[in-house]
């Protein structure tokens, strides 16, 4: 398929962003329902356009924009994350006095940047998509201009993100100079056939991998993430928790998988990625043990989950990675939606100890939050258990049993801090009767949908696994 249909998913998102921003510019005060309706319509149109491309594919700009099933599957993940962020922001932007048009417009632009990253195998186009997302993300982090933490989050994200962009652009310059190509697969195969990390090509690939590692928060490039999650508006943190990982890991998989299937140089890069995965799992989980702020705890938890996903890359298991990303979409969104649902009248409840008694006082919210936390820890019969099982078993089959063992042990560490929150919610006596700011139907809708998806993926994952197997053929 070619022509306008290939560009339709991107045109829908960018067009929706432009309409929202124009409404904000030419009307004295854009209503939140109007901006949200336009945003949801844009996301829905992009999803329908992407669905029409399934099993048909499509190319544009001489093949630089290329839709395969893997790109389409993760585009759906990104679009679901954007739709959830729109719903979570409906009342949040009013309560916090955030700029309405800017919130919804920048959210759509950020999603479009991630979709560009997913739908190309050219490193230069990946960089363009990365910059579209990054510039929007910096602004989204600092939308709460009267909140010092939000300003700090935006400043840290901008400074560290600039280093990441510099790494990528310098790396692609070195890689192109050494190989004459910016195609991810061709670059990877060329490098590995030449014996691994040697010369300018090896240095260029290493810099590109480091730049992507910044965006998906792999150790040691994770330092900014807890501060950004804590300071950014909570719906923005929910979007950041899942959407960048989908695009970033797809780029990493396209870059590394063809080369890891070659014989020469495999040990060098496999060992490097394994070391990063181990460090990410250990540091993410052990740092989460010490957190008293729920958003910082979820940030370190997200870092740990990135380590588990990296195991799938090392194991050359694209299907396992896609299934893990699909699960983590609902786990990350559900956790932040629960934090928003339990907000007290005085403001966001971020201290974990302040959740004492909320499970008994608000059993539906507390119960859903508990299920999501249990799924994050990897307990059956949730999707979180199956996701970890597939990743760890693939590592064993690929000859990395130590990596799988470390993954299992660090998952056991995570059980402590996840169940600690459940224990506080249901078994700790509160100092005073817990209250919530008020019912938010949109937040509840996201919360219940995430609960359904987490249980569905754990008990009846067949339909999703069928789509994932079709998507994995792209590799």
Protein backbone atom coordinates (compact mmCIF):
# COMPACT_ATOMS: atom_id res chain seq x y z
CA UNK A 1 0.00 0.00 0.00
CA UNK A 2 1.26 3.47 -0.80
CA UNK A 3 0.11 7.07 -1.02
CA UNK A 4 -1.94 8.96 1.53
CA UNK A 5 -3.02 5.77 3.32
CA UNK A 6 0.58 5.15 4.42
CA UNK A 7 0.83 8.63 5.92
CA UNK A 8 -2.66 8.58 7.45
CA UNK A 9 -1.65 7.53 11.01
CA UNK A 10 0.91 10.33 11.25
CA UNK A 11 -1.27 12.88 9.50
CA UNK A 12 -4.11 12.14 11.93
CA UNK A 13 -1.93 12.79 14.99
CA UNK A 14 -0.21 15.89 13.62
CA UNK A 15 -3.47 17.25 12.20
CA UNK A 16 -5.20 16.75 15.56
CA UNK A 17 -2.37 18.58 17.34
CA UNK A 18 -2.58 21.52 14.92
CA UNK A 19 -6.36 21.78 15.34
CA UNK A 20 -6.09 21.77 19.15
CA UNK A 21 -3.37 24.43 19.12
CA UNK A 22 -5.33 26.58 16.64
CA UNK A 23 -8.43 26.35 18.83
CA UNK A 24 -6.33 27.53 21.76
CA UNK A 25 -4.85 30.38 19.72
CA UNK A 26 -8.05 31.75 18.19
CA UNK A 27 -10.48 31.26 21.04
CA UNK A 28 -10.29 33.10 24.32
CA UNK A 29 -10.49 29.87 26.31
CA UNK A 30 -10.69 26.44 24.80
CA UNK A 31 -12.84 24.08 26.85
CA UNK A 32 -11.19 20.89 28.01
CA UNK A 33 -13.94 18.64 26.56
CA UNK A 34 -13.45 20.21 23.12
CA UNK A 35 -9.67 19.76 23.16
CA UNK A 36 -10.01 16.23 24.53
CA UNK A 37 -12.63 15.31 21.91
CA UNK A 38 -10.39 16.49 19.07
CA UNK A 39 -7.45 14.60 20.60
CA UNK A 40 -9.40 11.37 21.01
CA UNK A 41 -10.74 11.69 17.46
CA UNK A 42 -7.17 12.12 16.17
CA UNK A 43 -5.96 9.07 18.12
CA UNK A 44 -8.93 7.00 16.94
CA UNK A 45 -8.37 8.05 13.31
CA UNK A 46 -4.69 7.12 13.60
CA UNK A 47 -5.62 3.75 15.07
CA UNK A 48 -8.12 3.01 12.29
CA UNK A 49 -5.59 4.03 9.65
CA UNK A 50 -2.96 1.79 11.23
CA UNK A 51 -5.41 -1.13 11.44
CA UNK A 52 -6.09 -0.82 7.70
CA UNK A 53 -2.37 -1.32 7.06
CA UNK A 54 -2.19 -4.60 9.00
CA UNK A 55 -1.14 -7.50 6.73
CA UNK A 56 -0.84 -5.01 3.87
CA UNK A 57 2.18 -2.97 4.86
CA UNK A 58 3.13 0.24 3.18
CA UNK A 59 6.07 2.40 2.21
CA UNK A 60 6.58 6.10 1.63
CA UNK A 61 9.47 8.45 0.84
CA UNK A 62 11.44 5.80 -0.99
CA UNK A 63 11.00 3.26 1.79
CA UNK A 64 12.22 5.57 4.56
CA UNK A 65 8.78 5.32 6.19
CA UNK A 66 7.90 1.65 6.30
CA UNK A 67 5.02 -0.08 8.03
CA UNK A 68 5.45 -3.68 9.04
CA UNK A 69 3.40 -5.57 11.62
CA UNK A 70 5.91 -4.88 14.42
CA UNK A 71 5.69 -1.12 13.79
CA UNK A 72 1.89 -1.29 13.61
CA UNK A 73 1.60 -3.32 16.82
CA UNK A 74 3.70 -0.87 18.81
CA UNK A 75 1.89 2.05 17.16
CA UNK A 76 -1.28 0.68 18.76
CA UNK A 77 0.57 0.58 22.11
CA UNK A 78 1.64 4.22 21.70
CA UNK A 79 -1.87 5.28 20.66
CA UNK A 80 -3.45 3.53 23.64
CA UNK A 81 -0.99 5.30 25.94
CA UNK A 82 -1.87 8.64 24.33
CA UNK A 83 -5.62 7.97 24.63
CA UNK A 84 -5.20 7.09 28.31
CA UNK A 85 -3.18 10.28 28.91
CA UNK A 86 -5.98 12.30 27.30
CA UNK A 87 -8.57 10.73 29.61
CA UNK A 88 -6.37 11.11 32.68
CA UNK A 89 -5.86 14.78 31.87
CA UNK A 90 -9.54 15.72 31.50
CA UNK A 91 -10.00 17.00 35.03
CA UNK A 92 -6.36 17.13 36.02
CA UNK A 93 -5.54 20.07 33.74
CA UNK A 94 -8.45 22.03 35.21
CA UNK A 95 -7.58 21.30 38.84
CA UNK A 96 -3.92 22.21 38.31
CA UNK A 97 -4.51 25.14 35.98
CA UNK A 98 -2.41 23.64 33.17
CA UNK A 99 -2.57 25.16 29.66
CA UNK A 100 -5.30 23.14 27.98
CA UNK A 101 -4.38 23.42 24.31
CA UNK A 102 -0.70 22.92 25.00
CA UNK A 103 -1.29 19.77 27.04
CA UNK A 104 -3.37 17.96 24.43
CA UNK A 105 -1.47 19.34 21.42
CA UNK A 106 1.97 18.46 22.78
CA UNK A 107 0.73 15.03 23.78
CA UNK A 108 -0.31 14.28 20.19
CA UNK A 109 2.98 15.62 18.83
CA UNK A 110 4.94 13.47 21.30
CA UNK A 111 2.97 10.41 20.16
CA UNK A 112 3.64 11.27 16.50
CA UNK A 113 7.39 11.41 17.17
CA UNK A 114 7.31 7.95 18.73
CA UNK A 115 5.29 6.59 15.82
CA UNK A 116 7.90 7.96 13.40
CA UNK A 117 10.60 6.12 15.36
CA UNK A 118 8.61 2.88 15.17
CA UNK A 119 7.81 3.12 11.46
CA UNK A 120 11.30 3.51 10.02
CA UNK A 121 14.50 1.50 9.71
CA UNK A 122 16.61 4.53 8.81
CA UNK A 123 18.71 5.91 11.63
CA UNK A 124 18.36 9.51 10.49
CA UNK A 125 14.55 9.27 10.49
CA UNK A 126 14.75 7.67 13.92
CA UNK A 127 16.65 10.75 15.09
CA UNK A 128 14.01 13.06 13.61
CA UNK A 129 11.24 11.18 15.41
CA UNK A 130 13.28 11.21 18.60
CA UNK A 131 13.61 14.98 18.43
CA UNK A 132 9.89 15.51 17.76
CA UNK A 133 9.13 13.45 20.85
CA UNK A 134 11.87 14.99 22.97
CA UNK A 135 10.97 18.64 22.36
CA UNK A 136 7.31 17.89 23.14
CA UNK A 137 8.30 15.88 26.23
CA UNK A 138 10.44 18.69 27.66
CA UNK A 139 7.51 21.09 27.40
CA UNK A 140 5.03 18.57 28.82
CA UNK A 141 7.27 17.99 31.85
CA UNK A 142 7.25 21.71 32.69
CA UNK A 143 3.59 22.52 32.00
CA UNK A 144 2.89 23.12 35.70
CA UNK A 145 4.77 26.40 35.59
CA UNK A 146 3.87 27.37 39.17
CA UNK A 147 5.30 24.12 40.55
CA UNK A 148 9.03 24.20 41.27
CA UNK A 149 9.26 20.41 40.92
CA UNK A 150 7.78 20.57 37.43
CA UNK A 151 10.27 23.23 36.40
CA UNK A 152 13.12 21.16 37.83
CA UNK A 153 11.87 18.08 35.99
CA UNK A 154 11.75 19.95 32.67
CA UNK A 155 15.24 21.40 33.16
CA UNK A 156 16.78 18.01 34.03
CA UNK A 157 14.96 16.28 31.20
CA UNK A 158 16.10 18.92 28.72
CA UNK A 159 19.76 18.83 29.79
CA UNK A 160 20.07 15.04 29.89
CA UNK A 161 17.95 14.63 26.77
CA UNK A 162 20.23 17.01 24.90
CA UNK A 163 23.19 14.79 25.72
CA UNK A 164 21.23 11.77 24.47
CA UNK A 165 20.42 13.52 21.19
CA UNK A 166 24.06 14.53 20.79
CA UNK A 167 25.13 10.90 21.31
CA UNK A 168 22.71 9.70 18.63
CA UNK A 169 23.63 12.30 16.02
CA UNK A 170 27.38 11.86 16.58
CA UNK A 171 26.97 8.09 16.48
CA UNK A 172 25.01 8.10 13.23
CA UNK A 173 27.65 10.39 11.67
CA UNK A 174 30.41 7.93 12.61
CA UNK A 175 28.37 4.94 11.48
CA UNK A 176 27.55 6.48 8.11
CA UNK A 177 31.14 7.54 7.57
CA UNK A 178 32.38 4.01 8.21
CA UNK A 179 29.67 1.98 6.44
CA UNK A 180 27.98 4.29 3.94
CA UNK A 181 24.51 3.31 5.19
CA UNK A 182 22.07 4.40 7.88
CA UNK A 183 19.77 1.39 7.53
CA UNK A 184 19.52 -0.21 10.97
CA UNK A 185 19.68 -3.83 9.81
CA UNK A 186 22.44 -3.27 7.24
CA UNK A 187 24.51 -1.31 9.75
CA UNK A 188 24.18 -4.02 12.37
CA UNK A 189 25.07 -6.87 10.01
CA UNK A 190 28.04 -4.95 8.56
CA UNK A 191 29.45 -4.29 12.01
CA UNK A 192 29.05 -7.83 13.34
CA UNK A 193 30.48 -9.44 10.22
CA UNK A 194 33.55 -7.25 10.61
CA UNK A 195 34.17 -8.72 14.05
CA UNK A 196 32.20 -6.67 16.55
CA UNK A 197 33.02 -3.34 18.15
CA UNK A 198 35.93 -2.15 16.03
CA UNK A 199 36.69 1.16 14.37
CA UNK A 200 34.36 4.04 13.65
CA UNK A 201 31.36 1.81 12.96
CA UNK A 202 31.62 0.19 16.38
CA UNK A 203 32.02 3.54 18.11
CA UNK A 204 29.06 4.95 16.17
CA UNK A 205 26.82 2.02 17.06
CA UNK A 206 27.83 2.29 20.72
CA UNK A 207 26.94 5.99 20.81
CA UNK A 208 23.57 5.34 19.17
CA UNK A 209 22.80 2.58 21.68
CA UNK A 210 23.73 4.93 24.54
CA UNK A 211 21.42 7.62 23.15
CA UNK A 212 18.52 5.17 22.95
CA UNK A 213 19.36 3.90 26.44
CA UNK A 214 18.77 7.44 27.74
CA UNK A 215 15.23 7.44 26.36
CA UNK A 216 14.29 4.04 27.77
CA UNK A 217 16.15 4.69 31.05
CA UNK A 218 18.71 1.89 31.09
CA UNK A 219 21.48 2.06 33.69
CA UNK A 220 23.70 4.13 33.80
CA UNK A 221 21.53 6.55 31.78
CA UNK A 222 18.57 6.44 34.15
CA UNK A 223 19.39 9.25 36.59
CA UNK A 224 16.86 11.78 35.32
CA UNK A 225 13.81 9.51 35.31
CA UNK A 226 12.78 9.57 39.02
CA UNK A 227 13.00 13.38 39.10
CA UNK A 228 11.00 13.69 35.87
CA UNK A 229 8.29 11.26 37.02
CA UNK A 230 8.00 13.07 40.35
CA UNK A 231 7.88 16.60 38.94
CA UNK A 232 5.89 16.13 35.73
CA UNK A 233 2.08 16.22 35.81
CA UNK A 234 0.89 12.72 36.69
CA UNK A 235 -0.89 12.00 33.34
CA UNK A 236 2.35 12.99 31.59
CA UNK A 237 4.33 10.66 33.87
CA UNK A 238 1.92 7.84 32.94
CA UNK A 239 2.54 8.47 29.24
CA UNK A 240 6.31 8.66 29.75
CA UNK A 241 6.28 5.38 31.67
CA UNK A 242 5.14 3.30 28.70
CA UNK A 243 5.16 5.02 25.28
CA UNK A 244 8.89 5.87 24.93
CA UNK A 245 9.79 2.30 25.88
CA UNK A 246 7.68 0.92 23.04
CA UNK A 247 9.43 3.02 20.38
CA UNK A 248 12.89 2.85 21.95
CA UNK A 249 12.97 -0.92 22.34
CA UNK A 250 11.70 -1.42 18.80
CA UNK A 251 14.59 0.71 17.47
CA UNK A 252 17.03 -1.18 19.68
CA UNK A 253 15.66 -4.51 18.46
CA UNK A 254 15.94 -3.47 14.80
CA UNK A 255 19.49 -2.28 15.44
CA UNK A 256 20.81 -5.26 17.40
CA UNK A 257 18.82 -8.33 16.32
CA UNK A 258 20.26 -8.80 12.78
CA UNK A 259 23.79 -8.51 14.11
CA UNK A 260 23.22 -10.78 17.11
CA UNK A 261 22.26 -13.51 14.66
CA UNK A 262 25.71 -13.33 13.09
CA UNK A 263 28.61 -15.28 14.54
CA UNK A 264 31.35 -12.66 14.51
CA UNK A 265 31.22 -10.07 17.25
CA UNK A 266 28.17 -11.57 18.95
CA UNK A 267 29.93 -12.17 22.25
CA UNK A 268 31.07 -8.55 22.54
CA UNK A 269 27.65 -6.99 22.11
CA UNK A 270 25.74 -9.75 23.83
CA UNK A 271 28.01 -9.38 26.86
CA UNK A 272 27.63 -5.61 26.82
CA UNK A 273 23.83 -5.73 26.67
CA UNK A 274 23.72 -8.46 29.32
CA UNK A 275 25.81 -6.34 31.69
CA UNK A 276 23.51 -3.36 31.12
CA UNK A 277 20.44 -5.55 31.74
CA UNK A 278 21.89 -6.89 35.01
CA UNK A 279 22.84 -3.42 36.25
CA UNK A 280 19.42 -2.04 35.30
CA UNK A 281 17.52 -4.80 37.11
CA UNK A 282 19.66 -4.61 40.25
CA UNK A 283 19.85 -0.82 40.58
CA UNK A 284 16.20 -0.28 39.63
CA UNK A 285 14.87 -2.76 42.17
CA UNK A 286 17.21 -1.98 45.06
CA UNK A 287 16.75 1.79 44.64
CA UNK A 288 12.97 1.28 44.69
CA UNK A 289 13.28 -0.37 48.12
CA UNK A 290 14.32 2.95 49.68
CA UNK A 291 11.63 5.16 48.16
CA UNK A 292 8.89 6.80 50.21
CA UNK A 293 7.46 8.77 47.29
CA UNK A 294 5.09 6.66 45.17
CA UNK A 295 5.99 8.33 41.86
CA UNK A 296 9.71 7.86 42.46
CA UNK A 297 9.08 4.24 43.41
CA UNK A 298 7.18 3.70 40.15
CA UNK A 299 10.04 5.40 38.28
CA UNK A 300 12.63 2.98 39.67
CA UNK A 301 10.20 0.13 39.06
CA UNK A 302 9.99 1.26 35.41
CA UNK A 303 13.79 1.21 35.21
CA UNK A 304 13.82 -2.37 36.53
CA UNK A 305 11.21 -3.43 33.97
CA UNK A 306 13.39 -1.94 31.23
CA UNK A 307 16.10 -4.36 32.38
CA UNK A 308 13.72 -7.32 32.00
CA UNK A 309 12.80 -6.13 28.49
CA UNK A 310 16.47 -5.89 27.59
CA UNK A 311 16.82 -9.61 28.39
CA UNK A 312 14.45 -10.26 25.46
CA UNK A 313 16.77 -8.29 23.16
CA UNK A 314 19.82 -10.25 24.32
CA UNK A 315 17.87 -13.50 23.88
CA UNK A 316 16.81 -12.54 20.34
CA UNK A 317 13.16 -12.92 21.33
CA UNK A 318 11.07 -10.23 19.60
CA UNK A 319 7.78 -11.94 20.45
CA UNK A 320 8.63 -11.96 24.16
CA UNK A 321 9.59 -8.30 24.06
CA UNK A 322 6.37 -7.27 22.29
CA UNK A 323 4.27 -9.23 24.79
CA UNK A 324 6.12 -7.63 27.70
CA UNK A 325 5.59 -4.15 26.23
CA UNK A 326 1.87 -4.86 25.75
CA UNK A 327 1.59 -5.91 29.39
CA UNK A 328 3.61 -3.03 30.73
CA UNK A 329 1.37 -0.59 28.86
CA UNK A 330 -1.50 -1.49 31.17
CA UNK A 331 0.64 -1.95 34.28
CA UNK A 332 2.25 1.49 34.01
CA UNK A 333 -0.93 3.31 33.07
CA UNK A 334 -2.93 1.50 35.74
CA UNK A 335 -0.46 2.33 38.51
CA UNK A 336 -0.45 6.05 37.73
CA UNK A 337 -4.24 6.08 37.27
CA UNK A 338 -4.57 4.58 40.75
CA UNK A 339 -2.31 7.29 42.17
CA UNK A 340 -4.58 9.90 40.57
CA UNK A 341 -7.75 8.18 41.82
CA UNK A 342 -6.41 8.21 45.41
CA UNK A 343 -5.52 11.91 45.34
CA UNK A 344 -6.57 13.62 48.58
CA UNK A 345 -8.47 16.94 48.74
CA UNK A 346 -5.20 18.63 49.78
CA UNK A 347 -3.41 17.49 46.61
CA UNK A 348 -1.65 14.43 45.25
CA UNK A 349 -0.95 11.71 47.80
CA UNK A 350 2.68 10.88 47.09
CA UNK A 351 3.96 9.64 50.46
CA UNK A 352 3.47 5.88 50.59
CA UNK A 353 2.65 6.00 54.30
CA UNK A 354 -0.30 8.28 53.52
CA UNK A 355 -2.02 5.37 51.78
CA UNK A 356 -2.71 3.73 55.16
CA UNK A 357 -6.29 2.50 55.28
CA UNK A 358 -7.30 3.58 51.76
CA UNK A 359 -7.82 -0.04 50.69
CA UNK A 360 -10.50 -0.52 53.35
CA UNK A 361 -12.02 2.93 52.84
CA UNK A 362 -12.08 2.70 49.02
CA UNK A 363 -11.97 -1.05 48.31
CA UNK A 364 -12.54 -0.86 44.54
CA UNK A 365 -9.68 1.54 43.90
CA UNK A 366 -7.42 -0.12 46.44
CA UNK A 367 -8.25 -3.58 45.11
CA UNK A 368 -7.47 -2.66 41.50
CA UNK A 369 -4.23 -0.96 42.56
CA UNK A 370 -3.30 -4.11 44.51
CA UNK A 371 -3.91 -6.35 41.47
CA UNK A 372 -1.76 -4.09 39.29
CA UNK A 373 1.05 -4.09 41.86
CA UNK A 374 0.85 -7.87 42.15
CA UNK A 375 1.03 -8.14 38.36
CA UNK A 376 4.12 -5.87 38.33
CA UNK A 377 5.75 -8.25 40.80
CA UNK A 378 5.02 -11.13 38.41
CA UNK A 379 2.41 -13.17 40.27
CA UNK A 380 -0.03 -15.43 38.37
CA UNK A 381 -2.67 -15.34 36.96
CA UNK A 382 -1.83 -11.87 35.64
CA UNK A 383 -0.19 -10.80 32.41
CA UNK A 384 2.88 -9.69 34.36
CA UNK A 385 3.61 -13.31 35.28
CA UNK A 386 3.35 -14.55 31.69
CA UNK A 387 5.47 -11.66 30.39
CA UNK A 388 8.32 -12.46 32.77
CA UNK A 389 7.94 -16.19 32.19
CA UNK A 390 8.30 -15.81 28.42
CA UNK A 391 11.32 -13.49 28.74
CA UNK A 392 13.17 -15.63 31.29
CA UNK A 393 12.46 -18.90 29.49
CA UNK A 394 13.70 -17.39 26.21
CA UNK A 395 16.92 -16.38 27.99
CA UNK A 396 17.45 -19.97 29.13
CA UNK A 397 16.82 -21.32 25.62
CA UNK A 398 19.25 -18.77 24.15
CA UNK A 399 22.03 -19.89 26.48
CA UNK A 400 21.78 -17.14 29.12
CA UNK A 401 20.64 -19.01 32.27
CA UNK A 402 22.57 -16.67 34.58
CA UNK A 403 20.74 -13.68 33.10
CA UNK A 404 17.40 -15.43 33.69
CA UNK A 405 18.40 -16.30 37.27
CA UNK A 406 19.31 -12.70 38.05
CA UNK A 407 15.98 -11.62 36.57
CA UNK A 408 14.11 -14.04 38.84
CA UNK A 409 16.07 -12.96 41.95
CA UNK A 410 15.56 -9.25 41.30
CA UNK A 411 11.85 -9.93 40.72
CA UNK A 412 11.77 -11.45 44.19
CA UNK A 413 13.29 -8.22 45.53
CA UNK A 414 10.51 -6.25 43.83
CA UNK A 415 7.90 -8.31 45.67
CA UNK A 416 8.86 -6.50 48.89
CA UNK A 417 8.19 -2.96 47.77
CA UNK A 418 5.08 -3.82 45.74
CA UNK A 419 3.47 -5.80 48.55
CA UNK A 420 4.55 -3.16 51.05
CA UNK A 421 2.15 -0.73 49.35
CA UNK A 422 -0.64 -3.34 49.44
CA UNK A 423 0.08 -3.99 53.12
CA UNK A 424 -0.09 -0.27 53.94
CA UNK A 425 -3.35 0.18 52.03
CA UNK A 426 -5.21 -2.72 53.63
CA UNK A 427 -3.54 -3.52 56.95
CA UNK A 428 -2.07 -0.27 58.29
CA UNK A 429 -4.24 1.86 60.58
CA UNK A 430 -4.47 5.47 59.34
CA UNK A 431 -3.83 8.44 61.61
CA UNK A 432 -7.06 9.99 60.30
CA UNK A 433 -9.86 8.89 58.01
CA UNK A 434 -8.54 8.84 54.41
CA UNK A 435 -10.32 10.98 51.82
CA UNK A 436 -10.10 11.41 48.07
CA UNK A 437 -10.55 14.61 46.09
CA UNK A 438 -13.63 13.34 44.27
CA UNK A 439 -14.79 10.85 41.70
CA UNK A 440 -13.26 11.14 38.24
CA UNK A 441 -15.09 8.89 35.75
CA UNK A 442 -12.33 9.18 33.13
CA UNK A 443 -9.67 8.02 35.59
CA UNK A 444 -11.93 5.15 36.71
CA UNK A 445 -12.43 4.13 33.09
CA UNK A 446 -8.67 3.89 32.54
CA UNK A 447 -8.28 2.04 35.84
CA UNK A 448 -10.93 -0.59 35.05
CA UNK A 449 -9.69 -1.05 31.48
CA UNK A 450 -6.15 -1.66 32.76
CA UNK A 451 -7.45 -4.18 35.30
CA UNK A 452 -9.37 -6.02 32.57
CA UNK A 453 -6.36 -6.04 30.24
CA UNK A 454 -3.92 -7.27 32.91
CA UNK A 455 -6.20 -10.20 33.78
CA UNK A 456 -7.08 -10.90 30.15
CA UNK A 457 -3.43 -11.08 29.14
CA UNK A 458 -2.76 -13.42 32.05
CA UNK A 459 -5.71 -15.78 31.59
CA UNK A 460 -6.61 -15.61 27.89
CA UNK A 461 -3.68 -14.13 25.95
CA UNK A 462 -4.34 -16.15 22.77
CA UNK A 463 -5.63 -13.36 20.52
CA UNK A 464 -2.86 -10.97 21.48
CA UNK A 465 -0.23 -13.68 21.06
CA UNK A 466 -1.54 -14.34 17.56
CA UNK A 467 -1.03 -10.68 16.64
CA UNK A 468 2.42 -10.71 18.27
CA UNK A 469 3.49 -13.77 16.28
CA UNK A 470 2.47 -12.00 13.10
CA UNK A 471 4.40 -8.92 14.22
CA UNK A 472 7.50 -10.95 15.09
CA UNK A 473 7.71 -12.16 11.49
CA UNK A 474 9.06 -8.67 10.67
CA UNK A 475 12.31 -9.66 12.36
